[in-house]
Amino acid sequence: MARVGGMFAVTAARIDAEQPLNGLELGERPDPVAPEGWTTVTVRAAALNHHDLWTLRGVGVRPEQLPLVLGCDAAGVDEDGNEVIVHSVIGDPARGQGDETLDPGRSLLSEVHDGTLAERVAVPRRNLVPKPAALSFEEAACLPTAWLTAYRMLFDKAGVQPGSTVLVQGAGGGVATALIALGAAAGYRVWATSRSEAKRKRALELGADAVFESGARLPARVDAVMETVGQATWAHSVKSLRPGGRIVVSGATSGPMPPAELTRVFFLQLQVVGSTMGTREQLVRLASFLETTGLRPPIDRVLPLARAREGFAAMAEGELFGKIVFTV
């Protein structure tokens, strides 16, 4: 597919808040130019995220920034022939007290710089992580956004130890799927919710100890809630916590403005903690965790990049369990 001076890419060409796929274009784009301190990766596989749909809806980007190549996640080969995973957080650890996700100026690939849904992508050299040989390119491409977000939520932000009970809201999404699998592999008691009976069944297959319909009364209060759904599940998340428990929030796919439930929060001394992505070092440890345990990301489907519109449509309709991966 490679051409002199150009490459195939999936691009946000315009914003449409109601019909995001109307802004999606597939076709020729200029090859990336790597500034000083950056390098180019030849993409072998790239994963789709809700972030890509939000971009097409105009969240986090302005019309004058378009066209912009979409995609945060990729695994591929660097200029020296090494197999690598691309860490998608573009930030300076020194400006975030050692954590690039806390850099006030940080961004993700496809927000300011062109993203990974392309034959090639330019990234800072420090953003390259060695891909374990045990992981396929498709599996490795699932890690930098959803799985890294879940790793940080569960092992850094939740404040609970293996053996604790953790509730994962909205089983089926990429982060929620990763939370269930990682939590089960690490010895947490994982409960999960979903409106879909099929997704509840898949959650059990991933290692969840128990599953419930969304909003159902639980048999006991939990130590921590992993929240990515937002408005639709917030009240249930707050009511499900034990006194002193913690909600870790990394997304709000159903809306960002639920009732705060402040009376319950202060009376039960609950904690609400935000979490965004993860550091390069956490991505290294996540890849090592998968290599050591044999755990692998569940992949809903693998499509060639030229059929990216099918993957975007499936995500927009919510008809998936696990990651959608494009091969290049």
C-alpha atoms as a PDB file:
ATOM      1  CA  MET A   1       0.000   0.000   0.000  1.00  0.00           C
ATOM      2  CA  ALA A   2       2.986   2.350   0.469  1.00  0.00           C
ATOM      3  CA  ARG A   3       3.389   5.120  -2.107  1.00  0.00           C
ATOM      4  CA  VAL A   4       6.141   7.676  -2.667  1.00  0.00           C
ATOM      5  CA  GLY A   5       5.284  10.859  -0.774  1.00  0.00           C
ATOM      6  CA  GLY A   6       1.946   9.647   0.490  1.00  0.00           C
ATOM      7  CA  MET A   7       0.143   7.057   2.579  1.00  0.00           C
ATOM      8  CA  PHE A   8      -3.325   5.657   3.208  1.00  0.00           C
ATOM      9  CA  ALA A   9      -4.996   7.071   6.311  1.00  0.00           C
ATOM     10  CA  VAL A  10      -8.338   7.447   8.106  1.00  0.00           C
ATOM     11  CA  THR A  11      -9.073  11.107   8.653  1.00  0.00           C
ATOM     12  CA  ALA A  12     -11.512  13.377  10.467  1.00  0.00           C
ATOM     13  CA  ALA A  13     -12.307  15.762   7.625  1.00  0.00           C
ATOM     14  CA  ARG A  14     -15.234  17.624   9.189  1.00  0.00           C
ATOM     15  CA  ILE A  15     -17.287  17.738  12.389  1.00  0.00           C
ATOM     16  CA  ASP A  16     -20.830  16.398  12.670  1.00  0.00           C
ATOM     17  CA  ALA A  17     -22.051  16.120  16.253  1.00  0.00           C
ATOM     18  CA  GLU A  18     -25.165  14.133  15.330  1.00  0.00           C
ATOM     19  CA  GLN A  19     -23.830  11.901  12.541  1.00  0.00           C
ATOM     20  CA  PRO A  20     -20.100  11.572  13.263  1.00  0.00           C
ATOM     21  CA  LEU A  21     -19.391   9.139  10.449  1.00  0.00           C
ATOM     22  CA  ASN A  22     -20.301  11.891   7.971  1.00  0.00           C
ATOM     23  CA  GLY A  23     -16.934  13.471   8.782  1.00  0.00           C
ATOM     24  CA  LEU A  24     -14.916  10.303   8.202  1.00  0.00           C
ATOM     25  CA  GLU A  25     -12.706  10.104   5.112  1.00  0.00           C
ATOM     26  CA  LEU A  26     -10.433   7.290   3.933  1.00  0.00           C
ATOM     27  CA  GLY A  27      -7.711   8.007   1.421  1.00  0.00           C
ATOM     28  CA  GLU A  28      -4.383   9.584   0.622  1.00  0.00           C
ATOM     29  CA  ARG A  29      -2.522  11.778   3.123  1.00  0.00           C
ATOM     30  CA  PRO A  30       1.034  13.171   3.115  1.00  0.00           C
ATOM     31  CA  ASP A  31       3.697  11.066   4.788  1.00  0.00           C
ATOM     32  CA  PRO A  32       4.457  12.202   8.360  1.00  0.00           C
ATOM     33  CA  VAL A  33       7.469  14.411   8.960  1.00  0.00           C
ATOM     34  CA  ALA A  34       9.320  13.673  12.202  1.00  0.00           C
ATOM     35  CA  PRO A  35      10.709  16.799  13.919  1.00  0.00           C
ATOM     36  CA  GLU A  36      13.832  16.685  16.077  1.00  0.00           C
ATOM     37  CA  GLY A  37      13.450  14.139  18.873  1.00  0.00           C
ATOM     38  CA  TRP A  38      10.682  12.310  16.994  1.00  0.00           C
ATOM     39  CA  THR A  39      10.716   9.242  14.768  1.00  0.00           C
ATOM     40  CA  THR A  40       8.417   7.407  12.378  1.00  0.00           C
ATOM     41  CA  VAL A  41       6.731   4.072  13.013  1.00  0.00           C
ATOM     42  CA  THR A  42       5.392   1.837  10.255  1.00  0.00           C
ATOM     43  CA  VAL A  43       2.015   0.767  11.623  1.00  0.00           C
ATOM     44  CA  ARG A  44       1.112  -2.925  11.550  1.00  0.00           C
ATOM     45  CA  ALA A  45      -2.049  -2.730  13.663  1.00  0.00           C
ATOM     46  CA  ALA A  46      -4.107   0.074  15.216  1.00  0.00           C
ATOM     47  CA  ALA A  47      -7.070  -0.090  17.576  1.00  0.00           C
ATOM     48  CA  LEU A  48     -10.242   1.999  17.584  1.00  0.00           C
ATOM     49  CA  ASN A  49     -11.413   3.979  20.617  1.00  0.00           C
ATOM     50  CA  HIS A  50     -14.452   6.055  21.577  1.00  0.00           C
ATOM     51  CA  HIS A  51     -12.031   8.974  21.508  1.00  0.00           C
ATOM     52  CA  ASP A  52     -12.083   8.698  17.695  1.00  0.00           C
ATOM     53  CA  LEU A  53     -15.864   9.043  17.565  1.00  0.00           C
ATOM     54  CA  TRP A  54     -15.758  11.990  19.969  1.00  0.00           C
ATOM     55  CA  THR A  55     -13.249  13.694  17.682  1.00  0.00           C
ATOM     56  CA  LEU A  56     -15.633  13.315  14.747  1.00  0.00           C
ATOM     57  CA  ARG A  57     -18.310  14.906  16.939  1.00  0.00           C
ATOM     58  CA  GLY A  58     -16.046  17.879  17.581  1.00  0.00           C
ATOM     59  CA  VAL A  59     -15.044  17.114  21.161  1.00  0.00           C
ATOM     60  CA  GLY A  60     -11.487  18.268  21.858  1.00  0.00           C
ATOM     61  CA  VAL A  61     -10.830  19.616  18.344  1.00  0.00           C
ATOM     62  CA  ARG A  62     -11.729  22.738  16.406  1.00  0.00           C
ATOM     63  CA  PRO A  63     -12.790  22.804  12.743  1.00  0.00           C
ATOM     64  CA  GLU A  64      -9.640  24.700  11.765  1.00  0.00           C
ATOM     65  CA  GLN A  65      -7.499  21.749  12.987  1.00  0.00           C
ATOM     66  CA  LEU A  66      -8.990  19.434  10.376  1.00  0.00           C
ATOM     67  CA  PRO A  67      -8.206  17.322   8.453  1.00  0.00           C
ATOM     68  CA  LEU A  68      -6.589  15.251  11.200  1.00  0.00           C
ATOM     69  CA  VAL A  69      -5.573  11.581  11.051  1.00  0.00           C
ATOM     70  CA  LEU A  70      -7.508   9.685  13.729  1.00  0.00           C
ATOM     71  CA  GLY A  71      -6.268   7.007  16.113  1.00  0.00           C
ATOM     72  CA  CYS A  72      -4.446   6.807  19.453  1.00  0.00           C
ATOM     73  CA  ASP A  73      -3.298   3.178  19.475  1.00  0.00           C
ATOM     74  CA  ALA A  74      -0.714   1.413  17.355  1.00  0.00           C
ATOM     75  CA  ALA A  75       1.885  -1.302  17.247  1.00  0.00           C
ATOM     76  CA  GLY A  76       4.419  -1.509  14.464  1.00  0.00           C
ATOM     77  CA  VAL A  77       8.058  -1.329  13.456  1.00  0.00           C
ATOM     78  CA  ASP A  78      10.395   1.589  14.129  1.00  0.00           C
ATOM     79  CA  GLU A  79      13.035   2.977  11.777  1.00  0.00           C
ATOM     80  CA  ASP A  80      15.607   0.478  13.097  1.00  0.00           C
ATOM     81  CA  GLY A  81      13.350  -2.522  12.501  1.00  0.00           C
ATOM     82  CA  ASN A  82      12.353  -3.003  16.155  1.00  0.00           C
ATOM     83  CA  GLU A  83       8.813  -4.143  16.996  1.00  0.00           C
ATOM     84  CA  VAL A  84       7.259  -1.453  19.192  1.00  0.00           C
ATOM     85  CA  ILE A  85       4.095  -0.257  20.886  1.00  0.00           C
ATOM     86  CA  VAL A  86       3.292   3.445  20.558  1.00  0.00           C
ATOM     87  CA  HIS A  87       2.566   5.323  23.782  1.00  0.00           C
ATOM     88  CA  SER A  88       0.023   7.913  22.687  1.00  0.00           C
ATOM     89  CA  VAL A  89       0.403  10.546  25.436  1.00  0.00           C
ATOM     90  CA  ILE A  90       2.351  13.492  24.045  1.00  0.00           C
ATOM     91  CA  GLY A  91       3.672  15.236  27.139  1.00  0.00           C
ATOM     92  CA  ASP A  92       6.728  16.150  29.184  1.00  0.00           C
ATOM     93  CA  PRO A  93       7.165  14.173  32.428  1.00  0.00           C
ATOM     94  CA  ALA A  94       9.238  17.043  33.858  1.00  0.00           C
ATOM     95  CA  ARG A  95       6.236  19.351  33.607  1.00  0.00           C
ATOM     96  CA  GLY A  96       4.002  16.821  35.378  1.00  0.00           C
ATOM     97  CA  GLN A  97       6.226  16.044  38.372  1.00  0.00           C
ATOM     98  CA  GLY A  98       7.451  12.884  36.675  1.00  0.00           C
ATOM     99  CA  ASP A  99       4.082  11.966  35.122  1.00  0.00           C
ATOM    100  CA  GLU A 100       3.481  13.071  31.540  1.00  0.00           C
ATOM    101  CA  THR A 101      -0.290  12.689  31.956  1.00  0.00           C
ATOM    102  CA  LEU A 102      -0.134  15.595  34.453  1.00  0.00           C
ATOM    103  CA  ASP A 103       1.697  17.922  32.056  1.00  0.00           C
ATOM    104  CA  PRO A 104      -0.760  20.853  31.666  1.00  0.00           C
ATOM    105  CA  GLY A 105       0.035  20.932  27.959  1.00  0.00           C
ATOM    106  CA  ARG A 106      -0.236  17.213  27.295  1.00  0.00           C
ATOM    107  CA  SER A 107      -2.312  15.795  24.469  1.00  0.00           C
ATOM    108  CA  LEU A 108      -2.987  12.453  22.817  1.00  0.00           C
ATOM    109  CA  LEU A 109      -2.104  11.465  19.304  1.00  0.00           C
ATOM    110  CA  SER A 110      -4.930  12.624  16.988  1.00  0.00           C
ATOM    111  CA  GLU A 111      -5.671  15.700  19.127  1.00  0.00           C
ATOM    112  CA  VAL A 112      -2.869  18.040  18.030  1.00  0.00           C
ATOM    113  CA  HIS A 113      -0.691  15.680  15.991  1.00  0.00           C
ATOM    114  CA  ASP A 114      -1.856  13.185  13.372  1.00  0.00           C
ATOM    115  CA  GLY A 115      -2.807   9.817  14.839  1.00  0.00           C
ATOM    116  CA  THR A 116      -2.239   6.141  14.211  1.00  0.00           C
ATOM    117  CA  LEU A 117      -4.960   5.070  11.755  1.00  0.00           C
ATOM    118  CA  ALA A 118      -2.488   5.286   8.912  1.00  0.00           C
ATOM    119  CA  GLU A 119       0.370   3.420   7.293  1.00  0.00           C
ATOM    120  CA  ARG A 120       2.881   5.524   9.231  1.00  0.00           C
ATOM    121  CA  VAL A 121       2.826   7.787  12.272  1.00  0.00           C
ATOM    122  CA  ALA A 122       5.348  10.238  13.737  1.00  0.00           C
ATOM    123  CA  VAL A 123       5.874  10.102  17.517  1.00  0.00           C
ATOM    124  CA  PRO A 124       8.451  11.255  20.083  1.00  0.00           C
ATOM    125  CA  ARG A 125      11.245   8.687  20.427  1.00  0.00           C
ATOM    126  CA  ARG A 126      10.556   8.311  24.159  1.00  0.00           C
ATOM    127  CA  ASN A 127       7.018   7.143  23.292  1.00  0.00           C
ATOM    128  CA  LEU A 128       8.225   3.855  21.844  1.00  0.00           C
ATOM    129  CA  VAL A 129       7.863   0.790  24.063  1.00  0.00           C
ATOM    130  CA  PRO A 130       9.357  -2.582  23.074  1.00  0.00           C
ATOM    131  CA  LYS A 131       6.650  -5.029  22.003  1.00  0.00           C
ATOM    132  CA  PRO A 132       7.004  -8.393  23.744  1.00  0.00           C
ATOM    133  CA  ALA A 133       7.469 -11.134  21.166  1.00  0.00           C
ATOM    134  CA  ALA A 134       4.671 -13.092  22.839  1.00  0.00           C
ATOM    135  CA  LEU A 135       2.112 -10.443  21.853  1.00  0.00           C
ATOM    136  CA  SER A 136       0.840 -10.162  18.297  1.00  0.00           C
ATOM    137  CA  PHE A 137       0.698  -6.733  16.677  1.00  0.00           C
ATOM    138  CA  GLU A 138      -3.108  -6.874  16.955  1.00  0.00           C
ATOM    139  CA  GLU A 139      -2.963  -7.641  20.685  1.00  0.00           C
ATOM    140  CA  ALA A 140      -0.295  -5.032  21.358  1.00  0.00           C
ATOM    141  CA  ALA A 141      -2.299  -2.367  19.523  1.00  0.00           C
ATOM    142  CA  CYS A 142      -5.087  -2.736  22.104  1.00  0.00           C
ATOM    143  CA  LEU A 143      -2.898  -1.617  25.001  1.00  0.00           C
ATOM    144  CA  PRO A 144      -1.992   2.093  24.771  1.00  0.00           C
ATOM    145  CA  THR A 145      -5.425   3.625  25.456  1.00  0.00           C
ATOM    146  CA  ALA A 146      -8.128   1.325  26.854  1.00  0.00           C
ATOM    147  CA  TRP A 147      -5.878  -1.223  28.557  1.00  0.00           C
ATOM    148  CA  LEU A 148      -3.428   1.354  29.867  1.00  0.00           C
ATOM    149  CA  THR A 149      -6.337   3.412  31.224  1.00  0.00           C
ATOM    150  CA  ALA A 150      -7.690   0.314  32.981  1.00  0.00           C
ATOM    151  CA  TYR A 151      -4.262  -0.616  34.372  1.00  0.00           C
ATOM    152  CA  ARG A 152      -3.806   2.832  35.931  1.00  0.00           C
ATOM    153  CA  MET A 153      -7.370   2.907  37.291  1.00  0.00           C
ATOM    154  CA  LEU A 154      -7.120  -0.482  38.938  1.00  0.00           C
ATOM    155  CA  PHE A 155      -3.518  -0.672  40.134  1.00  0.00           C
ATOM    156  CA  ASP A 156      -2.698   2.998  40.751  1.00  0.00           C
ATOM    157  CA  LYS A 157      -5.883   4.943  41.472  1.00  0.00           C
ATOM    158  CA  ALA A 158      -8.325   2.483  43.081  1.00  0.00           C
ATOM    159  CA  GLY A 159      -6.475   2.241  46.389  1.00  0.00           C
ATOM    160  CA  VAL A 160      -7.532  -1.371  46.992  1.00  0.00           C
ATOM    161  CA  GLN A 161      -5.613  -4.638  47.144  1.00  0.00           C
ATOM    162  CA  PRO A 162      -6.200  -8.009  45.439  1.00  0.00           C
ATOM    163  CA  GLY A 163      -9.031  -9.753  47.239  1.00  0.00           C
ATOM    164  CA  SER A 164     -11.086  -6.548  47.317  1.00  0.00           C
ATOM    165  CA  THR A 165     -14.420  -6.327  45.527  1.00  0.00           C
ATOM    166  CA  VAL A 166     -14.435  -4.031  42.508  1.00  0.00           C
ATOM    167  CA  LEU A 167     -17.528  -3.107  40.488  1.00  0.00           C
ATOM    168  CA  VAL A 168     -17.030  -2.419  36.774  1.00  0.00           C
ATOM    169  CA  GLN A 169     -19.855  -0.468  35.179  1.00  0.00           C
ATOM    170  CA  GLY A 170     -20.808  -1.052  31.554  1.00  0.00           C
ATOM    171  CA  ALA A 171     -19.173  -4.363  30.649  1.00  0.00           C
ATOM    172  CA  GLY A 172     -18.442  -4.494  26.941  1.00  0.00           C
ATOM    173  CA  GLY A 173     -16.551  -1.265  26.318  1.00  0.00           C
ATOM    174  CA  GLY A 174     -12.813  -1.377  25.791  1.00  0.00           C
ATOM    175  CA  VAL A 175     -11.805   0.006  29.202  1.00  0.00           C
ATOM    176  CA  ALA A 176     -14.445  -2.008  31.074  1.00  0.00           C
ATOM    177  CA  THR A 177     -13.386  -5.206  29.317  1.00  0.00           C
ATOM    178  CA  ALA A 178      -9.764  -4.550  30.254  1.00  0.00           C
ATOM    179  CA  LEU A 179     -10.725  -3.834  33.870  1.00  0.00           C
ATOM    180  CA  ILE A 180     -12.535  -7.159  34.178  1.00  0.00           C
ATOM    181  CA  ALA A 181      -9.695  -9.153  32.642  1.00  0.00           C
ATOM    182  CA  LEU A 182      -6.903  -7.379  34.543  1.00  0.00           C
ATOM    183  CA  GLY A 183      -8.769  -7.488  37.838  1.00  0.00           C
ATOM    184  CA  ALA A 184      -9.529 -11.195  37.533  1.00  0.00           C
ATOM    185  CA  ALA A 185      -5.935 -11.995  36.578  1.00  0.00           C
ATOM    186  CA  ALA A 186      -4.617 -10.025  39.565  1.00  0.00           C
ATOM    187  CA  GLY A 187      -6.869 -11.635  42.177  1.00  0.00           C
ATOM    188  CA  TYR A 188      -9.597  -9.034  42.660  1.00  0.00           C
ATOM    189  CA  ARG A 189     -13.216 -10.079  43.096  1.00  0.00           C
ATOM    190  CA  VAL A 190     -14.745  -8.426  40.041  1.00  0.00           C
ATOM    191  CA  TRP A 191     -18.439  -7.657  39.638  1.00  0.00           C
ATOM    192  CA  ALA A 192     -19.721  -6.186  36.379  1.00  0.00           C
ATOM    193  CA  THR A 193     -22.918  -4.641  35.066  1.00  0.00           C
ATOM    194  CA  SER A 194     -24.450  -4.407  31.612  1.00  0.00           C
ATOM    195  CA  ARG A 195     -27.874  -3.911  30.065  1.00  0.00           C
ATOM    196  CA  SER A 196     -27.046  -6.743  27.653  1.00  0.00           C
ATOM    197  CA  GLU A 197     -27.419 -10.371  28.708  1.00  0.00           C
ATOM    198  CA  ALA A 198     -24.881 -11.380  26.064  1.00  0.00           C
ATOM    199  CA  LYS A 199     -22.307  -8.909  27.417  1.00  0.00           C
ATOM    200  CA  ARG A 200     -22.913 -10.104  30.982  1.00  0.00           C
ATOM    201  CA  LYS A 201     -22.219 -13.644  29.811  1.00  0.00           C
ATOM    202  CA  ARG A 202     -19.007 -12.523  28.097  1.00  0.00           C
ATOM    203  CA  ALA A 203     -17.941 -10.731  31.280  1.00  0.00           C
ATOM    204  CA  LEU A 204     -18.230 -14.003  33.176  1.00  0.00           C
ATOM    205  CA  GLU A 205     -16.111 -15.702  30.523  1.00  0.00           C
ATOM    206  CA  LEU A 206     -13.470 -12.982  31.001  1.00  0.00           C
ATOM    207  CA  GLY A 207     -13.248 -13.758  34.698  1.00  0.00           C
ATOM    208  CA  ALA A 208     -15.922 -11.659  36.427  1.00  0.00           C
ATOM    209  CA  ASP A 209     -17.111 -13.332  39.645  1.00  0.00           C
ATOM    210  CA  ALA A 210     -20.672 -12.057  39.257  1.00  0.00           C
ATOM    211  CA  VAL A 211     -22.669  -9.962  36.785  1.00  0.00           C
ATOM    212  CA  PHE A 212     -25.775  -7.835  37.204  1.00  0.00           C
ATOM    213  CA  GLU A 213     -28.179  -5.831  35.103  1.00  0.00           C
ATOM    214  CA  SER A 214     -27.374  -2.138  35.026  1.00  0.00           C
ATOM    215  CA  GLY A 215     -28.751  -0.458  38.135  1.00  0.00           C
ATOM    216  CA  ALA A 216     -29.514  -3.729  39.944  1.00  0.00           C
ATOM    217  CA  ARG A 217     -29.281  -3.915  43.729  1.00  0.00           C
ATOM    218  CA  LEU A 218     -26.041  -5.663  44.639  1.00  0.00           C
ATOM    219  CA  PRO A 219     -25.733  -8.370  47.322  1.00  0.00           C
ATOM    220  CA  ALA A 220     -23.144  -6.270  49.180  1.00  0.00           C
ATOM    221  CA  ARG A 221     -21.390  -2.944  48.907  1.00  0.00           C
ATOM    222  CA  VAL A 222     -18.084  -2.867  47.066  1.00  0.00           C
ATOM    223  CA  ASP A 223     -14.666  -1.451  47.884  1.00  0.00           C
ATOM    224  CA  ALA A 224     -14.241   0.437  44.611  1.00  0.00           C
ATOM    225  CA  VAL A 225     -16.199   1.262  41.465  1.00  0.00           C
ATOM    226  CA  MET A 226     -14.605   1.657  38.053  1.00  0.00           C
ATOM    227  CA  GLU A 227     -16.716   4.235  36.226  1.00  0.00           C
ATOM    228  CA  THR A 228     -16.495   4.936  32.487  1.00  0.00           C
ATOM    229  CA  VAL A 229     -20.204   5.326  31.671  1.00  0.00           C
ATOM    230  CA  GLY A 230     -20.977   8.496  33.602  1.00  0.00           C
ATOM    231  CA  GLN A 231     -24.454   9.947  33.826  1.00  0.00           C
ATOM    232  CA  ALA A 232     -26.411   6.715  33.275  1.00  0.00           C
ATOM    233  CA  THR A 233     -24.652   4.743  36.036  1.00  0.00           C
ATOM    234  CA  TRP A 234     -23.396   7.409  38.452  1.00  0.00           C
ATOM    235  CA  ALA A 235     -26.181   7.123  41.049  1.00  0.00           C
ATOM    236  CA  HIS A 236     -25.779   3.345  41.100  1.00  0.00           C
ATOM    237  CA  SER A 237     -22.014   3.682  41.486  1.00  0.00           C
ATOM    238  CA  VAL A 238     -22.362   5.980  44.503  1.00  0.00           C
ATOM    239  CA  LYS A 239     -25.000   3.763  46.155  1.00  0.00           C
ATOM    240  CA  SER A 240     -22.906   0.628  45.601  1.00  0.00           C
ATOM    241  CA  LEU A 241     -19.866   1.802  47.599  1.00  0.00           C
ATOM    242  CA  ARG A 242     -19.059   0.845  51.156  1.00  0.00           C
ATOM    243  CA  PRO A 243     -18.317   3.712  53.563  1.00  0.00           C
ATOM    244  CA  GLY A 244     -14.919   5.129  52.678  1.00  0.00           C
ATOM    245  CA  GLY A 245     -14.972   3.480  49.250  1.00  0.00           C
ATOM    246  CA  ARG A 246     -13.682   5.023  46.066  1.00  0.00           C
ATOM    247  CA  ILE A 247     -15.023   5.682  42.575  1.00  0.00           C
ATOM    248  CA  VAL A 248     -12.376   5.948  39.864  1.00  0.00           C
ATOM    249  CA  VAL A 249     -13.648   7.885  36.845  1.00  0.00           C
ATOM    250  CA  SER A 250     -11.976   7.773  33.445  1.00  0.00           C
ATOM    251  CA  GLY A 251     -14.874   8.528  31.122  1.00  0.00           C
ATOM    252  CA  ALA A 252     -18.487   9.560  30.738  1.00  0.00           C
ATOM    253  CA  THR A 253     -19.774   8.000  27.525  1.00  0.00           C
ATOM    254  CA  SER A 254     -23.431   8.485  28.541  1.00  0.00           C
ATOM    255  CA  GLY A 255     -22.981  12.107  29.613  1.00  0.00           C
ATOM    256  CA  PRO A 256     -20.849  14.182  32.022  1.00  0.00           C
ATOM    257  CA  MET A 257     -23.493  15.833  34.226  1.00  0.00           C
ATOM    258  CA  PRO A 258     -25.087  13.368  36.692  1.00  0.00           C
ATOM    259  CA  PRO A 259     -26.505  14.536  40.055  1.00  0.00           C
ATOM    260  CA  ALA A 260     -23.505  14.788  42.377  1.00  0.00           C
ATOM    261  CA  GLU A 261     -25.058  12.847  45.300  1.00  0.00           C
ATOM    262  CA  LEU A 262     -23.078  15.087  47.647  1.00  0.00           C
ATOM    263  CA  THR A 263     -24.987  14.129  50.777  1.00  0.00           C
ATOM    264  CA  ARG A 264     -24.079  10.472  50.344  1.00  0.00           C
ATOM    265  CA  VAL A 265     -20.507  11.389  49.356  1.00  0.00           C
ATOM    266  CA  PHE A 266     -19.744  13.345  52.532  1.00  0.00           C
ATOM    267  CA  PHE A 267     -21.840  11.290  54.946  1.00  0.00           C
ATOM    268  CA  LEU A 268     -20.198   8.018  53.868  1.00  0.00           C
ATOM    269  CA  GLN A 269     -16.818   9.699  53.298  1.00  0.00           C
ATOM    270  CA  LEU A 270     -16.634   8.454  49.733  1.00  0.00           C
ATOM    271  CA  GLN A 271     -13.775   9.356  47.416  1.00  0.00           C
ATOM    272  CA  VAL A 272     -14.061  10.329  43.754  1.00  0.00           C
ATOM    273  CA  VAL A 273     -10.782  10.085  41.821  1.00  0.00           C
ATOM    274  CA  GLY A 274     -10.169  11.016  38.204  1.00  0.00           C
ATOM    275  CA  SER A 275      -7.851   8.995  35.996  1.00  0.00           C
ATOM    276  CA  THR A 276      -6.598   9.644  32.472  1.00  0.00           C
ATOM    277  CA  MET A 277      -4.502   7.268  30.380  1.00  0.00           C
ATOM    278  CA  GLY A 278      -1.164   6.241  31.932  1.00  0.00           C
ATOM    279  CA  THR A 279       2.563   6.819  31.787  1.00  0.00           C
ATOM    280  CA  ARG A 280       5.089   5.216  29.467  1.00  0.00           C
ATOM    281  CA  GLU A 281       6.446   3.219  32.413  1.00  0.00           C
ATOM    282  CA  GLN A 282       2.966   1.922  33.194  1.00  0.00           C
ATOM    283  CA  LEU A 283       2.601   0.820  29.567  1.00  0.00           C
ATOM    284  CA  VAL A 284       5.890  -1.079  29.886  1.00  0.00           C
ATOM    285  CA  ARG A 285       4.608  -2.812  33.033  1.00  0.00           C
ATOM    286  CA  LEU A 286       1.237  -3.561  31.419  1.00  0.00           C
ATOM    287  CA  ALA A 287       2.911  -5.259  28.463  1.00  0.00           C
ATOM    288  CA  SER A 288       5.085  -7.253  30.872  1.00  0.00           C
ATOM    289  CA  PHE A 289       2.013  -8.226  32.936  1.00  0.00           C
ATOM    290  CA  LEU A 290       0.339  -9.672  29.837  1.00  0.00           C
ATOM    291  CA  GLU A 291       3.509 -11.474  28.791  1.00  0.00           C
ATOM    292  CA  THR A 292       3.949 -12.991  32.260  1.00  0.00           C
ATOM    293  CA  THR A 293       0.340 -13.996  32.923  1.00  0.00           C
ATOM    294  CA  GLY A 294      -0.660 -15.056  29.410  1.00  0.00           C
ATOM    295  CA  LEU A 295      -3.611 -12.651  29.565  1.00  0.00           C
ATOM    296  CA  ARG A 296      -4.626 -11.262  26.173  1.00  0.00           C
ATOM    297  CA  PRO A 297      -7.013  -8.461  25.175  1.00  0.00           C
ATOM    298  CA  PRO A 298     -10.315  -9.780  23.815  1.00  0.00           C
ATOM    299  CA  ILE A 299     -10.697  -8.534  20.252  1.00  0.00           C
ATOM    300  CA  ASP A 300     -14.192  -8.104  18.879  1.00  0.00           C
ATOM    301  CA  ARG A 301     -13.060  -8.034  15.252  1.00  0.00           C
ATOM    302  CA  VAL A 302     -10.034  -7.406  13.052  1.00  0.00           C
ATOM    303  CA  LEU A 303     -10.525  -5.438   9.833  1.00  0.00           C
ATOM    304  CA  PRO A 304      -8.162  -4.083   7.194  1.00  0.00           C
ATOM    305  CA  LEU A 305      -7.697  -0.338   7.538  1.00  0.00           C
ATOM    306  CA  ALA A 306      -9.465   0.155   4.205  1.00  0.00           C
ATOM    307  CA  ARG A 307     -12.667  -1.104   5.909  1.00  0.00           C
ATOM    308  CA  ALA A 308     -12.362   1.271   8.856  1.00  0.00           C
ATOM    309  CA  ARG A 309     -15.839   2.712   8.265  1.00  0.00           C
ATOM    310  CA  GLU A 310     -17.345  -0.680   9.248  1.00  0.00           C
ATOM    311  CA  GLY A 311     -15.487  -0.586  12.551  1.00  0.00           C
ATOM    312  CA  PHE A 312     -16.551   2.990  13.294  1.00  0.00           C
ATOM    313  CA  ALA A 313     -20.175   2.082  12.562  1.00  0.00           C
ATOM    314  CA  ALA A 314     -20.038  -0.904  14.921  1.00  0.00           C
ATOM    315  CA  MET A 315     -18.616   1.239  17.710  1.00  0.00           C
ATOM    316  CA  ALA A 316     -21.225   3.956  17.136  1.00  0.00           C
ATOM    317  CA  GLU A 317     -23.974   1.330  17.430  1.00  0.00           C
ATOM    318  CA  GLY A 318     -22.426  -0.259  20.529  1.00  0.00           C
ATOM    319  CA  GLU A 319     -22.399  -3.687  18.906  1.00  0.00           C
ATOM    320  CA  LEU A 320     -19.079  -4.939  20.205  1.00  0.00           C
ATOM    321  CA  PHE A 321     -17.347  -6.652  23.101  1.00  0.00           C
ATOM    322  CA  GLY A 322     -13.645  -5.940  23.327  1.00  0.00           C
ATOM    323  CA  LYS A 323     -11.503  -4.017  20.855  1.00  0.00           C
ATOM    324  CA  ILE A 324     -11.877  -3.322  17.153  1.00  0.00           C
ATOM    325  CA  VAL A 325      -8.447  -3.568  15.505  1.00  0.00           C
ATOM    326  CA  PHE A 326      -7.399  -2.456  12.032  1.00  0.00           C
ATOM    327  CA  THR A 327      -4.470  -4.074  10.254  1.00  0.00           C
ATOM    328  CA  VAL A 328      -2.218  -2.178   7.861  1.00  0.00           C
END
